[in-house]
Amino acid sequence: MAYNKPIPDPEPYSTQPFWDGAKQGKFMLPRCTDCNRAHWYPRIICPFCHSRNIEWFEASGEGWVHTFAVQARAFGGWADEAPFVTAYIDLKEGDRIFTVLRGVDASKPDLAWVGKKVKVEFDQANDDVFVPFWRVVD
């Protein structure tokens, strides 16, 4: 089945290293070389110390569910998957990312999902874009 959801458009100045890594199955994050903090979403200025000294590194691709919500209604390609779960993930590297959560039953939401360990996985949207999602792991 063809990928039928919105496809991100990689931005060469701030997000291309992320998409290049995703294509290889790597979860890449930007990190400030002055304050040594990783940040999400990618940008050319550190959101913590405002430095422009940013490097990219391969992150662990691991984290924990911070909070979640069940999406009972959606549009476009997401309508085919409703209900599904969206979540904020606390990354092992210290920031937080929003995602669609996999490995859970959206028809039976459970507060026990909060704090569960998750791992990144990628869906191929087209030849150049692999979209990250997060799956609950035991």
N, C-alpha and C. Protein backbone atom coordinates (compact mmCIF):
# COMPACT_ATOMS: atom_id res chain seq x y z
N MET A 1 0.84 -1.19 0.00
CA MET A 1 0.00 0.00 0.00
C MET A 1 0.88 1.25 0.00
N ALA A 2 0.57 2.19 -0.84
CA ALA A 2 1.34 3.43 -0.95
C ALA A 2 1.15 4.28 0.30
N TYR A 3 2.18 5.03 0.65
CA TYR A 3 2.12 5.93 1.80
C TYR A 3 1.14 7.05 1.46
N ASN A 4 0.08 7.20 2.25
CA ASN A 4 -0.98 8.16 1.91
C ASN A 4 -1.14 9.29 2.92
N LYS A 5 -0.12 9.51 3.75
CA LYS A 5 -0.17 10.58 4.73
C LYS A 5 0.69 11.76 4.26
N PRO A 6 0.55 12.91 4.89
CA PRO A 6 1.41 14.03 4.49
C PRO A 6 2.89 13.65 4.58
N ILE A 7 3.66 14.08 3.61
CA ILE A 7 5.09 13.77 3.57
C ILE A 7 5.87 15.05 3.87
N PRO A 8 6.71 15.02 4.91
CA PRO A 8 7.52 16.21 5.23
C PRO A 8 8.44 16.58 4.07
N ASP A 9 8.75 17.85 4.00
CA ASP A 9 9.65 18.36 2.98
C ASP A 9 10.97 18.74 3.66
N PRO A 10 12.01 17.91 3.52
CA PRO A 10 13.29 18.22 4.18
C PRO A 10 13.80 19.61 3.81
N GLU A 11 14.27 20.32 4.82
CA GLU A 11 14.78 21.67 4.67
C GLU A 11 16.30 21.61 4.74
N PRO A 12 16.99 22.00 3.68
CA PRO A 12 18.44 21.76 3.61
C PRO A 12 19.27 22.46 4.69
N TYR A 13 18.79 23.56 5.26
CA TYR A 13 19.60 24.29 6.23
C TYR A 13 19.44 23.81 7.66
N SER A 14 18.30 23.18 7.97
CA SER A 14 18.12 22.81 9.37
C SER A 14 17.70 21.37 9.61
N THR A 15 17.13 20.66 8.63
CA THR A 15 16.64 19.31 8.91
C THR A 15 17.22 18.21 8.03
N GLN A 16 17.97 18.55 7.00
CA GLN A 16 18.46 17.53 6.07
C GLN A 16 19.26 16.42 6.75
N PRO A 17 20.13 16.72 7.73
CA PRO A 17 20.84 15.63 8.39
C PRO A 17 19.90 14.64 9.09
N PHE A 18 18.78 15.14 9.61
CA PHE A 18 17.81 14.25 10.23
C PHE A 18 17.26 13.27 9.20
N TRP A 19 16.83 13.79 8.04
CA TRP A 19 16.22 12.95 7.00
C TRP A 19 17.25 12.01 6.37
N ASP A 20 18.48 12.46 6.23
CA ASP A 20 19.53 11.58 5.71
C ASP A 20 19.75 10.40 6.65
N GLY A 21 19.76 10.67 7.95
CA GLY A 21 19.92 9.60 8.93
C GLY A 21 18.72 8.66 8.94
N ALA A 22 17.53 9.23 8.88
CA ALA A 22 16.31 8.40 8.90
C ALA A 22 16.31 7.43 7.73
N LYS A 23 16.80 7.87 6.59
CA LYS A 23 16.86 7.00 5.41
C LYS A 23 17.75 5.79 5.67
N GLN A 24 18.70 5.94 6.59
CA GLN A 24 19.61 4.84 6.94
C GLN A 24 19.17 4.13 8.23
N GLY A 25 17.97 4.47 8.73
CA GLY A 25 17.47 3.86 9.95
C GLY A 25 18.09 4.42 11.22
N LYS A 26 18.66 5.63 11.14
CA LYS A 26 19.30 6.26 12.29
C LYS A 26 18.46 7.45 12.76
N PHE A 27 18.34 7.59 14.07
CA PHE A 27 17.63 8.73 14.65
C PHE A 27 18.66 9.80 15.00
N MET A 28 18.72 10.82 14.18
CA MET A 28 19.71 11.88 14.33
C MET A 28 19.11 13.06 15.10
N LEU A 29 19.91 13.64 15.99
CA LEU A 29 19.49 14.82 16.73
C LEU A 29 20.55 15.91 16.62
N PRO A 30 20.11 17.17 16.65
CA PRO A 30 21.07 18.27 16.73
C PRO A 30 21.48 18.50 18.19
N ARG A 31 22.74 18.88 18.36
CA ARG A 31 23.26 19.16 19.70
C ARG A 31 24.12 20.41 19.62
N CYS A 32 23.97 21.25 20.60
CA CYS A 32 24.78 22.46 20.70
C CYS A 32 26.16 22.08 21.23
N THR A 33 27.21 22.54 20.56
CA THR A 33 28.56 22.22 21.03
C THR A 33 29.02 23.16 22.15
N ASP A 34 28.26 24.23 22.40
CA ASP A 34 28.61 25.13 23.50
C ASP A 34 28.02 24.68 24.83
N CYS A 35 26.71 24.34 24.84
CA CYS A 35 26.08 23.92 26.11
C CYS A 35 25.87 22.40 26.17
N ASN A 36 26.18 21.70 25.08
CA ASN A 36 26.14 20.23 25.01
C ASN A 36 24.73 19.66 25.21
N ARG A 37 23.70 20.41 24.82
CA ARG A 37 22.33 19.92 24.97
C ARG A 37 21.74 19.58 23.60
N ALA A 38 21.12 18.41 23.54
CA ALA A 38 20.39 18.01 22.34
C ALA A 38 19.03 18.70 22.35
N HIS A 39 18.50 18.96 21.15
CA HIS A 39 17.19 19.59 21.09
C HIS A 39 16.36 19.06 19.93
N TRP A 40 15.08 19.06 20.14
CA TRP A 40 14.12 18.72 19.12
C TRP A 40 13.06 19.79 19.14
N TYR A 41 12.75 20.35 18.13
CA TYR A 41 12.86 20.09 16.72
C TYR A 41 14.16 20.71 16.19
N PRO A 42 14.66 20.22 15.04
CA PRO A 42 15.92 20.75 14.50
C PRO A 42 15.82 22.23 14.14
N ARG A 43 16.84 22.97 14.50
CA ARG A 43 16.97 24.38 14.14
C ARG A 43 18.42 24.78 14.18
N ILE A 44 18.72 25.89 13.56
CA ILE A 44 20.13 26.29 13.41
C ILE A 44 20.66 27.08 14.60
N ILE A 45 19.79 27.42 15.56
CA ILE A 45 20.20 28.13 16.76
C ILE A 45 19.78 27.31 17.97
N CYS A 46 20.66 27.14 18.92
CA CYS A 46 20.35 26.39 20.14
C CYS A 46 19.22 27.09 20.90
N PRO A 47 18.15 26.37 21.24
CA PRO A 47 17.05 27.00 21.97
C PRO A 47 17.39 27.27 23.44
N PHE A 48 18.52 26.75 23.92
CA PHE A 48 18.88 26.90 25.31
C PHE A 48 19.87 28.05 25.54
N CYS A 49 20.93 28.10 24.72
CA CYS A 49 21.95 29.14 24.93
C CYS A 49 22.09 30.09 23.74
N HIS A 50 21.33 29.83 22.67
CA HIS A 50 21.27 30.67 21.47
C HIS A 50 22.55 30.66 20.62
N SER A 51 23.36 29.66 20.83
CA SER A 51 24.56 29.49 20.02
C SER A 51 24.18 28.98 18.63
N ARG A 52 25.04 29.26 17.66
CA ARG A 52 24.86 28.72 16.31
C ARG A 52 25.78 27.52 16.07
N ASN A 53 26.45 27.07 17.11
CA ASN A 53 27.38 25.95 16.99
C ASN A 53 26.63 24.63 17.22
N ILE A 54 26.05 24.12 16.15
CA ILE A 54 25.21 22.93 16.21
C ILE A 54 25.90 21.80 15.44
N GLU A 55 25.87 20.61 16.03
CA GLU A 55 26.36 19.41 15.35
C GLU A 55 25.25 18.36 15.40
N TRP A 56 25.34 17.40 14.53
CA TRP A 56 24.36 16.31 14.50
C TRP A 56 25.04 15.04 15.01
N PHE A 57 24.28 14.22 15.75
CA PHE A 57 24.81 12.96 16.24
C PHE A 57 23.72 11.90 16.16
N GLU A 58 24.14 10.65 16.12
CA GLU A 58 23.19 9.56 16.13
C GLU A 58 22.73 9.30 17.56
N ALA A 59 21.46 9.56 17.79
CA ALA A 59 20.88 9.37 19.12
C ALA A 59 20.49 7.90 19.32
N SER A 60 20.10 7.59 20.52
CA SER A 60 19.78 6.19 20.87
C SER A 60 18.50 5.70 20.20
N GLY A 61 17.59 6.61 19.88
CA GLY A 61 16.29 6.18 19.36
C GLY A 61 15.42 5.56 20.44
N GLU A 62 15.71 5.89 21.69
CA GLU A 62 14.96 5.35 22.83
C GLU A 62 14.38 6.48 23.66
N GLY A 63 13.31 6.16 24.36
CA GLY A 63 12.68 7.14 25.24
C GLY A 63 11.57 6.49 26.04
N TRP A 64 10.72 7.36 26.62
CA TRP A 64 9.61 6.92 27.46
C TRP A 64 8.39 7.75 27.14
N VAL A 65 7.22 7.15 27.26
CA VAL A 65 5.97 7.87 27.03
C VAL A 65 5.77 8.88 28.15
N HIS A 66 5.64 10.14 27.78
CA HIS A 66 5.38 11.21 28.75
C HIS A 66 3.87 11.35 28.98
N THR A 67 3.12 11.43 27.89
CA THR A 67 1.67 11.49 27.94
C THR A 67 1.13 11.08 26.58
N PHE A 68 -0.17 10.84 26.49
CA PHE A 68 -0.75 10.38 25.23
C PHE A 68 -2.19 10.84 25.11
N ALA A 69 -2.72 10.73 23.90
CA ALA A 69 -4.14 11.00 23.64
C ALA A 69 -4.59 10.08 22.52
N VAL A 70 -5.83 9.64 22.59
CA VAL A 70 -6.41 8.82 21.53
C VAL A 70 -7.09 9.75 20.53
N GLN A 71 -6.72 9.59 19.27
CA GLN A 71 -7.31 10.37 18.19
C GLN A 71 -8.41 9.53 17.55
N ALA A 72 -9.64 9.85 17.84
CA ALA A 72 -10.77 9.06 17.35
C ALA A 72 -11.18 9.46 15.94
N ARG A 73 -10.86 10.68 15.56
CA ARG A 73 -11.22 11.18 14.23
C ARG A 73 -10.00 11.81 13.58
N ALA A 74 -9.91 11.65 12.28
CA ALA A 74 -8.78 12.22 11.54
C ALA A 74 -9.21 12.46 10.11
N PHE A 75 -8.33 13.06 9.33
CA PHE A 75 -8.63 13.32 7.92
C PHE A 75 -7.48 12.80 7.07
N GLY A 76 -7.69 12.78 5.77
CA GLY A 76 -6.65 12.31 4.84
C GLY A 76 -6.28 10.87 5.15
N GLY A 77 -5.03 10.54 4.94
CA GLY A 77 -4.55 9.18 5.16
C GLY A 77 -4.66 8.73 6.60
N TRP A 78 -4.68 9.67 7.54
CA TRP A 78 -4.80 9.29 8.95
C TRP A 78 -6.20 8.77 9.27
N ALA A 79 -7.22 9.15 8.48
CA ALA A 79 -8.58 8.68 8.73
C ALA A 79 -8.64 7.15 8.65
N ASP A 80 -7.81 6.56 7.79
CA ASP A 80 -7.78 5.10 7.64
C ASP A 80 -7.28 4.39 8.91
N GLU A 81 -6.53 5.11 9.75
CA GLU A 81 -5.95 4.50 10.94
C GLU A 81 -6.71 4.81 12.22
N ALA A 82 -7.67 5.73 12.17
CA ALA A 82 -8.40 6.12 13.39
C ALA A 82 -9.20 4.93 13.91
N PRO A 83 -9.24 4.75 15.22
CA PRO A 83 -8.53 5.55 16.22
C PRO A 83 -7.05 5.15 16.31
N PHE A 84 -6.22 6.13 16.62
CA PHE A 84 -4.81 5.90 16.86
C PHE A 84 -4.36 6.76 18.02
N VAL A 85 -3.16 6.49 18.50
CA VAL A 85 -2.66 7.18 19.69
C VAL A 85 -1.52 8.11 19.32
N THR A 86 -1.61 9.35 19.77
CA THR A 86 -0.49 10.28 19.67
C THR A 86 0.12 10.42 21.06
N ALA A 87 1.40 10.74 21.10
CA ALA A 87 2.07 10.82 22.40
C ALA A 87 3.25 11.78 22.35
N TYR A 88 3.59 12.29 23.51
CA TYR A 88 4.87 12.98 23.70
C TYR A 88 5.83 11.96 24.28
N ILE A 89 7.01 11.89 23.68
CA ILE A 89 8.05 10.96 24.11
C ILE A 89 9.20 11.75 24.73
N ASP A 90 9.58 11.37 25.95
CA ASP A 90 10.78 11.94 26.56
C ASP A 90 11.97 11.16 26.04
N LEU A 91 12.81 11.82 25.25
CA LEU A 91 13.96 11.16 24.66
C LEU A 91 15.04 10.89 25.70
N LYS A 92 15.74 9.80 25.52
CA LYS A 92 16.86 9.45 26.40
C LYS A 92 17.88 10.58 26.45
N GLU A 93 17.99 11.32 25.35
CA GLU A 93 18.97 12.42 25.25
C GLU A 93 18.49 13.71 25.91
N GLY A 94 17.24 13.72 26.42
CA GLY A 94 16.82 14.85 27.23
C GLY A 94 15.77 15.79 26.69
N ASP A 95 15.32 15.68 25.47
CA ASP A 95 14.27 16.56 25.00
C ASP A 95 13.01 15.74 24.79
N ARG A 96 12.01 16.31 24.18
CA ARG A 96 10.70 15.66 24.01
C ARG A 96 10.26 15.79 22.57
N ILE A 97 9.61 14.74 22.05
CA ILE A 97 9.15 14.72 20.67
C ILE A 97 7.70 14.24 20.62
N PHE A 98 6.93 14.77 19.68
CA PHE A 98 5.54 14.38 19.48
C PHE A 98 5.48 13.34 18.36
N THR A 99 4.62 12.32 18.51
CA THR A 99 4.61 11.23 17.56
C THR A 99 3.28 10.50 17.56
N VAL A 100 3.15 9.60 16.62
CA VAL A 100 2.11 8.58 16.67
C VAL A 100 2.73 7.38 17.37
N LEU A 101 2.03 6.88 18.37
CA LEU A 101 2.54 5.78 19.19
C LEU A 101 2.03 4.45 18.65
N ARG A 102 2.93 3.53 18.49
CA ARG A 102 2.58 2.19 18.01
C ARG A 102 2.80 1.17 19.11
N GLY A 103 2.20 -0.01 18.91
CA GLY A 103 2.35 -1.07 19.90
C GLY A 103 1.37 -0.96 21.04
N VAL A 104 0.32 -0.16 20.86
CA VAL A 104 -0.74 -0.01 21.87
C VAL A 104 -2.09 -0.16 21.17
N ASP A 105 -3.10 -0.51 21.92
CA ASP A 105 -4.44 -0.66 21.37
C ASP A 105 -5.23 0.61 21.66
N ALA A 106 -5.48 1.41 20.61
CA ALA A 106 -6.16 2.70 20.78
C ALA A 106 -7.59 2.54 21.28
N SER A 107 -8.18 1.37 21.08
CA SER A 107 -9.55 1.17 21.54
C SER A 107 -9.61 0.85 23.05
N LYS A 108 -8.42 0.64 23.66
CA LYS A 108 -8.34 0.35 25.09
C LYS A 108 -7.24 1.18 25.73
N PRO A 109 -7.43 2.51 25.83
CA PRO A 109 -6.38 3.35 26.41
C PRO A 109 -6.10 2.96 27.85
N ASP A 110 -4.84 3.08 28.24
CA ASP A 110 -4.41 2.63 29.55
C ASP A 110 -3.37 3.60 30.12
N LEU A 111 -3.65 4.17 31.26
CA LEU A 111 -2.69 5.10 31.88
C LEU A 111 -1.36 4.44 32.15
N ALA A 112 -1.31 3.12 32.17
CA ALA A 112 -0.05 2.42 32.39
C ALA A 112 0.92 2.62 31.23
N TRP A 113 0.46 3.15 30.10
CA TRP A 113 1.37 3.45 28.98
C TRP A 113 2.35 4.56 29.36
N VAL A 114 1.93 5.46 30.25
CA VAL A 114 2.81 6.55 30.67
C VAL A 114 4.02 5.94 31.38
N GLY A 115 5.19 6.33 30.93
CA GLY A 115 6.42 5.81 31.49
C GLY A 115 6.96 4.57 30.78
N LYS A 116 6.17 4.00 29.85
CA LYS A 116 6.63 2.82 29.11
C LYS A 116 7.79 3.18 28.20
N LYS A 117 8.72 2.25 28.05
CA LYS A 117 9.86 2.44 27.16
C LYS A 117 9.40 2.34 25.71
N VAL A 118 9.96 3.18 24.85
CA VAL A 118 9.65 3.17 23.42
C VAL A 118 10.93 3.20 22.61
N LYS A 119 10.82 2.78 21.38
CA LYS A 119 11.95 2.77 20.43
C LYS A 119 11.45 3.33 19.11
N VAL A 120 12.31 4.07 18.42
CA VAL A 120 11.93 4.66 17.14
C VAL A 120 11.91 3.61 16.05
N GLU A 121 11.02 3.80 15.07
CA GLU A 121 11.00 3.01 13.84
C GLU A 121 10.62 3.98 12.72
N PHE A 122 10.93 3.59 11.50
CA PHE A 122 10.73 4.50 10.37
C PHE A 122 9.84 3.85 9.31
N ASP A 123 8.92 4.66 8.76
CA ASP A 123 8.11 4.25 7.61
C ASP A 123 8.64 4.97 6.39
N GLN A 124 8.78 4.26 5.28
CA GLN A 124 9.24 4.87 4.05
C GLN A 124 8.06 5.57 3.37
N ALA A 125 8.13 6.90 3.28
CA ALA A 125 7.08 7.69 2.64
C ALA A 125 7.32 7.80 1.14
N ASN A 126 8.58 7.97 0.75
CA ASN A 126 8.98 7.99 -0.67
C ASN A 126 10.46 7.61 -0.72
N ASP A 127 11.10 7.81 -1.86
CA ASP A 127 12.50 7.40 -2.00
C ASP A 127 13.45 8.13 -1.06
N ASP A 128 13.09 9.36 -0.65
CA ASP A 128 13.99 10.18 0.15
C ASP A 128 13.55 10.42 1.59
N VAL A 129 12.29 10.17 1.90
CA VAL A 129 11.77 10.52 3.22
C VAL A 129 11.30 9.27 3.96
N PHE A 130 11.91 9.06 5.13
CA PHE A 130 11.50 7.99 6.04
C PHE A 130 11.01 8.68 7.31
N VAL A 131 9.76 8.46 7.67
CA VAL A 131 9.10 9.17 8.76
C VAL A 131 9.22 8.37 10.06
N PRO A 132 9.66 9.03 11.15
CA PRO A 132 9.81 8.33 12.42
C PRO A 132 8.48 8.19 13.16
N PHE A 133 8.31 7.03 13.78
CA PHE A 133 7.23 6.76 14.71
C PHE A 133 7.85 6.05 15.90
N TRP A 134 7.13 5.93 16.97
CA TRP A 134 7.68 5.30 18.17
C TRP A 134 6.80 4.14 18.59
N ARG A 135 7.42 3.05 18.99
CA ARG A 135 6.72 1.83 19.37
C ARG A 135 7.05 1.47 20.82
N VAL A 136 6.02 1.10 21.57
CA VAL A 136 6.22 0.62 22.94
C VAL A 136 6.94 -0.72 22.87
N VAL A 137 7.98 -0.86 23.70
CA VAL A 137 8.76 -2.10 23.76
C VAL A 137 8.72 -2.61 25.19
N ASP A 138 8.90 -3.90 25.35
CA ASP A 138 8.87 -4.50 26.70
C ASP A 138 10.21 -4.38 27.38
